[in-house]
Amino acid sequence: MKYNIINIVKAWWIAENPTKEQSQLAQKRLGICSECPSMVKSVVFKFKCNECGCPIGKKIFTDVMGTCDLKKWNKIEGL
């Protein structure tokens, strides 16, 4: 997956003031990540994805569908 700075900044922005729907999707994504062995503790961020290096606490708020490199979010995103 190719990441672009605009999508990354947007996810961080959404994380600061998400809508109810964005929060619900983020919680579902976090539930999936919490069971994934690629979620590892990070010194800088609480947790990060070992596949892409993104901080989990922010990536779960992206409005771009299909961004889990392992495709684990696809089902809840309707993909």
PDB file of N, CA and C in Angstrom:
ATOM      1  N   MET A   1       0.848  -1.177   0.000  1.00  0.00           N
ATOM      2  CA  MET A   1       0.000   0.000   0.000  1.00  0.00           C
ATOM      3  C   MET A   1       0.888   1.232   0.000  1.00  0.00           C
ATOM      4  N   LYS A   2       0.622   2.123  -0.901  1.00  0.00           N
ATOM      5  CA  LYS A   2       1.354   3.379  -0.967  1.00  0.00           C
ATOM      6  C   LYS A   2       0.643   4.402  -0.086  1.00  0.00           C
ATOM      7  N   TYR A   3       1.388   5.027   0.798  1.00  0.00           N
ATOM      8  CA  TYR A   3       0.813   6.001   1.714  1.00  0.00           C
ATOM      9  C   TYR A   3       1.113   7.404   1.216  1.00  0.00           C
ATOM     10  N   ASN A   4       0.182   8.287   1.411  1.00  0.00           N
ATOM     11  CA  ASN A   4       0.416   9.658   0.998  1.00  0.00           C
ATOM     12  C   ASN A   4       0.215  10.574   2.194  1.00  0.00           C
ATOM     13  N   ILE A   5       1.018  11.607   2.255  1.00  0.00           N
ATOM     14  CA  ILE A   5       1.066  12.480   3.425  1.00  0.00           C
ATOM     15  C   ILE A   5      -0.293  13.126   3.713  1.00  0.00           C
ATOM     16  N   ILE A   6      -1.054  13.418   2.698  1.00  0.00           N
ATOM     17  CA  ILE A   6      -2.374  14.026   2.905  1.00  0.00           C
ATOM     18  C   ILE A   6      -3.284  13.080   3.678  1.00  0.00           C
ATOM     19  N   ASN A   7      -3.290  11.801   3.311  1.00  0.00           N
ATOM     20  CA  ASN A   7      -4.127  10.822   4.017  1.00  0.00           C
ATOM     21  C   ASN A   7      -3.652  10.611   5.454  1.00  0.00           C
ATOM     22  N   ILE A   8      -2.361  10.649   5.664  1.00  0.00           N
ATOM     23  CA  ILE A   8      -1.805  10.474   7.015  1.00  0.00           C
ATOM     24  C   ILE A   8      -2.213  11.645   7.901  1.00  0.00           C
ATOM     25  N   VAL A   9      -2.024  12.853   7.413  1.00  0.00           N
ATOM     26  CA  VAL A   9      -2.395  14.050   8.184  1.00  0.00           C
ATOM     27  C   VAL A   9      -3.900  14.070   8.452  1.00  0.00           C
ATOM     28  N   LYS A  10      -4.671  13.686   7.469  1.00  0.00           N
ATOM     29  CA  LYS A  10      -6.133  13.656   7.630  1.00  0.00           C
ATOM     30  C   LYS A  10      -6.547  12.675   8.723  1.00  0.00           C
ATOM     31  N   ALA A  11      -5.901  11.505   8.772  1.00  0.00           N
ATOM     32  CA  ALA A  11      -6.212  10.516   9.821  1.00  0.00           C
ATOM     33  C   ALA A  11      -5.893  11.083  11.204  1.00  0.00           C
ATOM     34  N   TRP A  12      -4.772  11.780  11.328  1.00  0.00           N
ATOM     35  CA  TRP A  12      -4.412  12.390  12.609  1.00  0.00           C
ATOM     36  C   TRP A  12      -5.438  13.462  12.987  1.00  0.00           C
ATOM     37  N   TRP A  13      -5.898  14.226  12.013  1.00  0.00           N
ATOM     38  CA  TRP A  13      -6.898  15.269  12.243  1.00  0.00           C
ATOM     39  C   TRP A  13      -8.220  14.657  12.719  1.00  0.00           C
ATOM     40  N   ILE A  14      -8.664  13.614  12.025  1.00  0.00           N
ATOM     41  CA  ILE A  14      -9.913  12.933  12.385  1.00  0.00           C
ATOM     42  C   ILE A  14      -9.816  12.353  13.794  1.00  0.00           C
ATOM     43  N   ALA A  15      -8.661  11.811  14.145  1.00  0.00           N
ATOM     44  CA  ALA A  15      -8.470  11.200  15.470  1.00  0.00           C
ATOM     45  C   ALA A  15      -8.703  12.200  16.601  1.00  0.00           C
ATOM     46  N   GLU A  16      -8.472  13.466  16.330  1.00  0.00           N
ATOM     47  CA  GLU A  16      -8.652  14.500  17.356  1.00  0.00           C
ATOM     48  C   GLU A  16     -10.110  14.870  17.599  1.00  0.00           C
ATOM     49  N   ASN A  17     -10.968  14.694  16.595  1.00  0.00           N
ATOM     50  CA  ASN A  17     -12.370  15.062  16.738  1.00  0.00           C
ATOM     51  C   ASN A  17     -13.236  14.225  15.786  1.00  0.00           C
ATOM     52  N   PRO A  18     -13.298  12.916  16.027  1.00  0.00           N
ATOM     53  CA  PRO A  18     -14.042  12.046  15.113  1.00  0.00           C
ATOM     54  C   PRO A  18     -15.558  12.178  15.282  1.00  0.00           C
ATOM     55  N   THR A  19     -16.267  11.874  14.197  1.00  0.00           N
ATOM     56  CA  THR A  19     -17.719  11.770  14.277  1.00  0.00           C
ATOM     57  C   THR A  19     -18.049  10.451  14.977  1.00  0.00           C
ATOM     58  N   LYS A  20     -19.296  10.256  15.291  1.00  0.00           N
ATOM     59  CA  LYS A  20     -19.729   9.008  15.922  1.00  0.00           C
ATOM     60  C   LYS A  20     -19.400   7.819  15.014  1.00  0.00           C
ATOM     61  N   GLU A  21     -19.660   7.960  13.724  1.00  0.00           N
ATOM     62  CA  GLU A  21     -19.404   6.883  12.761  1.00  0.00           C
ATOM     63  C   GLU A  21     -17.907   6.586  12.647  1.00  0.00           C
ATOM     64  N   GLN A  22     -17.095   7.641  12.623  1.00  0.00           N
ATOM     65  CA  GLN A  22     -15.646   7.458  12.549  1.00  0.00           C
ATOM     66  C   GLN A  22     -15.122   6.753  13.803  1.00  0.00           C
ATOM     67  N   SER A  23     -15.661   7.112  14.952  1.00  0.00           N
ATOM     68  CA  SER A  23     -15.260   6.460  16.215  1.00  0.00           C
ATOM     69  C   SER A  23     -15.645   4.985  16.224  1.00  0.00           C
ATOM     70  N   GLN A  24     -16.833   4.685  15.734  1.00  0.00           N
ATOM     71  CA  GLN A  24     -17.290   3.297  15.701  1.00  0.00           C
ATOM     72  C   GLN A  24     -16.416   2.451  14.782  1.00  0.00           C
ATOM     73  N   LEU A  25     -16.091   2.973  13.606  1.00  0.00           N
ATOM     74  CA  LEU A  25     -15.227   2.242  12.683  1.00  0.00           C
ATOM     75  C   LEU A  25     -13.832   2.076  13.278  1.00  0.00           C
ATOM     76  N   ALA A  26     -13.321   3.116  13.905  1.00  0.00           N
ATOM     77  CA  ALA A  26     -11.997   3.049  14.529  1.00  0.00           C
ATOM     78  C   ALA A  26     -11.967   1.977  15.623  1.00  0.00           C
ATOM     79  N   GLN A  27     -13.023   1.872  16.411  1.00  0.00           N
ATOM     80  CA  GLN A  27     -13.080   0.855  17.468  1.00  0.00           C
ATOM     81  C   GLN A  27     -13.107  -0.553  16.881  1.00  0.00           C
ATOM     82  N   LYS A  28     -13.821  -0.741  15.790  1.00  0.00           N
ATOM     83  CA  LYS A  28     -13.839  -2.049  15.124  1.00  0.00           C
ATOM     84  C   LYS A  28     -12.450  -2.394  14.586  1.00  0.00           C
ATOM     85  N   ARG A  29     -11.797  -1.412  13.970  1.00  0.00           N
ATOM     86  CA  ARG A  29     -10.448  -1.633  13.453  1.00  0.00           C
ATOM     87  C   ARG A  29      -9.483  -1.955  14.592  1.00  0.00           C
ATOM     88  N   LEU A  30      -9.590  -1.213  15.686  1.00  0.00           N
ATOM     89  CA  LEU A  30      -8.716  -1.451  16.832  1.00  0.00           C
ATOM     90  C   LEU A  30      -8.910  -2.854  17.394  1.00  0.00           C
ATOM     91  N   GLY A  31     -10.147  -3.328  17.431  1.00  0.00           N
ATOM     92  CA  GLY A  31     -10.417  -4.688  17.886  1.00  0.00           C
ATOM     93  C   GLY A  31      -9.688  -5.721  17.045  1.00  0.00           C
ATOM     94  N   ILE A  32      -9.662  -5.499  15.739  1.00  0.00           N
ATOM     95  CA  ILE A  32      -8.944  -6.404  14.838  1.00  0.00           C
ATOM     96  C   ILE A  32      -7.439  -6.301  15.079  1.00  0.00           C
ATOM     97  N   CYS A  33      -6.940  -5.080  15.180  1.00  0.00           N
ATOM     98  CA  CYS A  33      -5.499  -4.874  15.399  1.00  0.00           C
ATOM     99  C   CYS A  33      -5.039  -5.475  16.728  1.00  0.00           C
ATOM    100  N   SER A  34      -5.881  -5.377  17.735  1.00  0.00           N
ATOM    101  CA  SER A  34      -5.516  -5.886  19.062  1.00  0.00           C
ATOM    102  C   SER A  34      -5.243  -7.381  19.072  1.00  0.00           C
ATOM    103  N   GLU A  35      -5.833  -8.093  18.127  1.00  0.00           N
ATOM    104  CA  GLU A  35      -5.626  -9.539  18.033  1.00  0.00           C
ATOM    105  C   GLU A  35      -4.553  -9.915  17.015  1.00  0.00           C
ATOM    106  N   CYS A  36      -3.980  -8.927  16.355  1.00  0.00           N
ATOM    107  CA  CYS A  36      -3.002  -9.170  15.290  1.00  0.00           C
ATOM    108  C   CYS A  36      -1.580  -9.190  15.854  1.00  0.00           C
ATOM    109  N   PRO A  37      -0.785 -10.190  15.495  1.00  0.00           N
ATOM    110  CA  PRO A  37       0.601 -10.245  15.979  1.00  0.00           C
ATOM    111  C   PRO A  37       1.477  -9.122  15.413  1.00  0.00           C
ATOM    112  N   SER A  38       1.012  -8.417  14.397  1.00  0.00           N
ATOM    113  CA  SER A  38       1.787  -7.311  13.831  1.00  0.00           C
ATOM    114  C   SER A  38       1.663  -6.032  14.657  1.00  0.00           C
ATOM    115  N   MET A  39       0.739  -6.002  15.613  1.00  0.00           N
ATOM    116  CA  MET A  39       0.622  -4.843  16.502  1.00  0.00           C
ATOM    117  C   MET A  39       1.655  -5.000  17.605  1.00  0.00           C
ATOM    118  N   VAL A  40       2.599  -4.062  17.651  1.00  0.00           N
ATOM    119  CA  VAL A  40       3.695  -4.131  18.620  1.00  0.00           C
ATOM    120  C   VAL A  40       3.794  -2.836  19.411  1.00  0.00           C
ATOM    121  N   LYS A  41       4.355  -2.929  20.602  1.00  0.00           N
ATOM    122  CA  LYS A  41       4.565  -1.730  21.417  1.00  0.00           C
ATOM    123  C   LYS A  41       5.599  -0.847  20.742  1.00  0.00           C
ATOM    124  N   SER A  42       5.437   0.447  20.968  1.00  0.00           N
ATOM    125  CA  SER A  42       6.323   1.435  20.361  1.00  0.00           C
ATOM    126  C   SER A  42       6.829   2.393  21.436  1.00  0.00           C
ATOM    127  N   VAL A  43       8.051   2.834  21.279  1.00  0.00           N
ATOM    128  CA  VAL A  43       8.615   3.807  22.218  1.00  0.00           C
ATOM    129  C   VAL A  43       7.976   5.181  22.014  1.00  0.00           C
ATOM    130  N   VAL A  44       7.790   5.566  20.769  1.00  0.00           N
ATOM    131  CA  VAL A  44       7.244   6.884  20.454  1.00  0.00           C
ATOM    132  C   VAL A  44       5.722   6.908  20.570  1.00  0.00           C
ATOM    133  N   PHE A  45       5.078   5.905  19.975  1.00  0.00           N
ATOM    134  CA  PHE A  45       3.623   5.779  20.024  1.00  0.00           C
ATOM    135  C   PHE A  45       3.309   4.590  20.916  1.00  0.00           C
ATOM    136  N   LYS A  46       2.123   4.537  21.442  1.00  0.00           N
ATOM    137  CA  LYS A  46       1.779   3.425  22.327  1.00  0.00           C
ATOM    138  C   LYS A  46       1.917   2.086  21.605  1.00  0.00           C
ATOM    139  N   PHE A  47       1.323   1.986  20.408  1.00  0.00           N
ATOM    140  CA  PHE A  47       1.425   0.786  19.588  1.00  0.00           C
ATOM    141  C   PHE A  47       1.594   1.194  18.134  1.00  0.00           C
ATOM    142  N   LYS A  48       2.267   0.348  17.365  1.00  0.00           N
ATOM    143  CA  LYS A  48       2.397   0.586  15.934  1.00  0.00           C
ATOM    144  C   LYS A  48       2.176  -0.718  15.191  1.00  0.00           C
ATOM    145  N   CYS A  49       1.927  -0.583  13.894  1.00  0.00           N
ATOM    146  CA  CYS A  49       1.779  -1.749  13.036  1.00  0.00           C
ATOM    147  C   CYS A  49       3.158  -2.125  12.520  1.00  0.00           C
ATOM    148  N   ASN A  50       3.555  -3.349  12.713  1.00  0.00           N
ATOM    149  CA  ASN A  50       4.868  -3.799  12.269  1.00  0.00           C
ATOM    150  C   ASN A  50       4.910  -4.007  10.757  1.00  0.00           C
ATOM    151  N   GLU A  51       3.761  -4.028  10.109  1.00  0.00           N
ATOM    152  CA  GLU A  51       3.719  -4.197   8.652  1.00  0.00           C
ATOM    153  C   GLU A  51       4.030  -2.870   7.948  1.00  0.00           C
ATOM    154  N   CYS A  52       3.353  -1.807   8.358  1.00  0.00           N
ATOM    155  CA  CYS A  52       3.499  -0.514   7.676  1.00  0.00           C
ATOM    156  C   CYS A  52       4.241   0.529   8.506  1.00  0.00           C
ATOM    157  N   GLY A  53       4.342   0.299   9.821  1.00  0.00           N
ATOM    158  CA  GLY A  53       5.024   1.244  10.695  1.00  0.00           C
ATOM    159  C   GLY A  53       4.148   2.366  11.229  1.00  0.00           C
ATOM    160  N   CYS A  54       2.881   2.377  10.849  1.00  0.00           N
ATOM    161  CA  CYS A  54       1.968   3.440  11.290  1.00  0.00           C
ATOM    162  C   CYS A  54       1.590   3.274  12.761  1.00  0.00           C
ATOM    163  N   PRO A  55       1.399   4.396  13.474  1.00  0.00           N
ATOM    164  CA  PRO A  55       0.874   4.312  14.832  1.00  0.00           C
ATOM    165  C   PRO A  55      -0.594   3.872  14.765  1.00  0.00           C
ATOM    166  N   ILE A  56      -0.912   2.797  15.457  1.00  0.00           N
ATOM    167  CA  ILE A  56      -2.260   2.225  15.414  1.00  0.00           C
ATOM    168  C   ILE A  56      -3.316   3.235  15.844  1.00  0.00           C
ATOM    169  N   GLY A  57      -3.044   3.983  16.908  1.00  0.00           N
ATOM    170  CA  GLY A  57      -4.012   4.928  17.451  1.00  0.00           C
ATOM    171  C   GLY A  57      -4.438   6.017  16.483  1.00  0.00           C
ATOM    172  N   LYS A  58      -3.674   6.235  15.450  1.00  0.00           N
ATOM    173  CA  LYS A  58      -4.029   7.222  14.431  1.00  0.00           C
ATOM    174  C   LYS A  58      -4.510   6.540  13.154  1.00  0.00           C
ATOM    175  N   LYS A  59      -3.843   5.460  12.757  1.00  0.00           N
ATOM    176  CA  LYS A  59      -4.213   4.793  11.511  1.00  0.00           C
ATOM    177  C   LYS A  59      -5.659   4.308  11.525  1.00  0.00           C
ATOM    178  N   ILE A  60      -6.158   3.890  12.677  1.00  0.00           N
ATOM    179  CA  ILE A  60      -7.533   3.394  12.748  1.00  0.00           C
ATOM    180  C   ILE A  60      -8.559   4.463  12.387  1.00  0.00           C
ATOM    181  N   PHE A  61      -8.143   5.726  12.349  1.00  0.00           N
ATOM    182  CA  PHE A  61      -9.054   6.819  12.016  1.00  0.00           C
ATOM    183  C   PHE A  61      -8.995   7.247  10.549  1.00  0.00           C
ATOM    184  N   THR A  62      -8.191   6.574   9.731  1.00  0.00           N
ATOM    185  CA  THR A  62      -8.125   6.960   8.325  1.00  0.00           C
ATOM    186  C   THR A  62      -9.487   6.808   7.657  1.00  0.00           C
ATOM    187  N   ASP A  63      -9.778   7.722   6.735  1.00  0.00           N
ATOM    188  CA  ASP A  63     -11.031   7.617   5.994  1.00  0.00           C
ATOM    189  C   ASP A  63     -10.837   6.881   4.662  1.00  0.00           C
ATOM    190  N   VAL A  64      -9.637   6.380   4.444  1.00  0.00           N
ATOM    191  CA  VAL A  64      -9.339   5.606   3.243  1.00  0.00           C
ATOM    192  C   VAL A  64      -9.555   4.127   3.564  1.00  0.00           C
ATOM    193  N   MET A  65     -10.410   3.493   2.793  1.00  0.00           N
ATOM    194  CA  MET A  65     -10.702   2.077   3.023  1.00  0.00           C
ATOM    195  C   MET A  65      -9.625   1.195   2.391  1.00  0.00           C
ATOM    196  N   GLY A  66      -9.403   0.028   3.004  1.00  0.00           N
ATOM    197  CA  GLY A  66      -8.452  -0.939   2.460  1.00  0.00           C
ATOM    198  C   GLY A  66      -7.002  -0.647   2.783  1.00  0.00           C
ATOM    199  N   THR A  67      -6.745   0.071   3.870  1.00  0.00           N
ATOM    200  CA  THR A  67      -5.362   0.444   4.179  1.00  0.00           C
ATOM    201  C   THR A  67      -4.620  -0.544   5.065  1.00  0.00           C
ATOM    202  N   CYS A  68      -5.286  -1.565   5.565  1.00  0.00           N
ATOM    203  CA  CYS A  68      -4.574  -2.601   6.313  1.00  0.00           C
ATOM    204  C   CYS A  68      -3.786  -3.445   5.305  1.00  0.00           C
ATOM    205  N   ASP A  69      -2.470  -3.461   5.457  1.00  0.00           N
ATOM    206  CA  ASP A  69      -1.621  -4.204   4.527  1.00  0.00           C
ATOM    207  C   ASP A  69      -1.937  -5.696   4.505  1.00  0.00           C
ATOM    208  N   LEU A  70      -2.473  -6.206   5.590  1.00  0.00           N
ATOM    209  CA  LEU A  70      -2.807  -7.629   5.672  1.00  0.00           C
ATOM    210  C   LEU A  70      -4.259  -7.902   5.286  1.00  0.00           C
ATOM    211  N   LYS A  71      -4.974  -6.858   4.893  1.00  0.00           N
ATOM    212  CA  LYS A  71      -6.379  -6.942   4.451  1.00  0.00           C
ATOM    213  C   LYS A  71      -7.333  -7.390   5.559  1.00  0.00           C
ATOM    214  N   LYS A  72      -6.933  -7.207   6.806  1.00  0.00           N
ATOM    215  CA  LYS A  72      -7.759  -7.659   7.929  1.00  0.00           C
ATOM    216  C   LYS A  72      -8.955  -6.746   8.194  1.00  0.00           C
ATOM    217  N   TRP A  73      -8.924  -5.517   7.703  1.00  0.00           N
ATOM    218  CA  TRP A  73     -10.028  -4.587   7.901  1.00  0.00           C
ATOM    219  C   TRP A  73     -11.068  -4.697   6.796  1.00  0.00           C
ATOM    220  N   ASN A  74     -10.763  -5.403   5.728  1.00  0.00           N
ATOM    221  CA  ASN A  74     -11.632  -5.404   4.546  1.00  0.00           C
ATOM    222  C   ASN A  74     -13.075  -5.795   4.838  1.00  0.00           C
ATOM    223  N   LYS A  75     -13.288  -6.804   5.670  1.00  0.00           N
ATOM    224  CA  LYS A  75     -14.639  -7.267   5.928  1.00  0.00           C
ATOM    225  C   LYS A  75     -15.494  -6.183   6.596  1.00  0.00           C
ATOM    226  N   ILE A  76     -14.959  -5.536   7.622  1.00  0.00           N
ATOM    227  CA  ILE A  76     -15.746  -4.503   8.314  1.00  0.00           C
ATOM    228  C   ILE A  76     -15.890  -3.238   7.483  1.00  0.00           C
ATOM    229  N   GLU A  77     -15.011  -3.070   6.490  1.00  0.00           N
ATOM    230  CA  GLU A  77     -15.085  -1.908   5.608  1.00  0.00           C
ATOM    231  C   GLU A  77     -15.937  -2.185   4.370  1.00  0.00           C
ATOM    232  N   GLY A  78     -16.436  -3.394   4.263  1.00  0.00           N
ATOM    233  CA  GLY A  78     -17.279  -3.738   3.123  1.00  0.00           C
ATOM    234  C   GLY A  78     -16.525  -3.971   1.842  1.00  0.00           C
ATOM    235  N   LEU A  79     -15.257  -4.313   1.961  1.00  0.00           N
ATOM    236  CA  LEU A  79     -14.437  -4.558   0.761  1.00  0.00           C
ATOM    237  C   LEU A  79     -14.358  -6.025   0.431  1.00  0.00           C
TER     238      LEU A  79
END
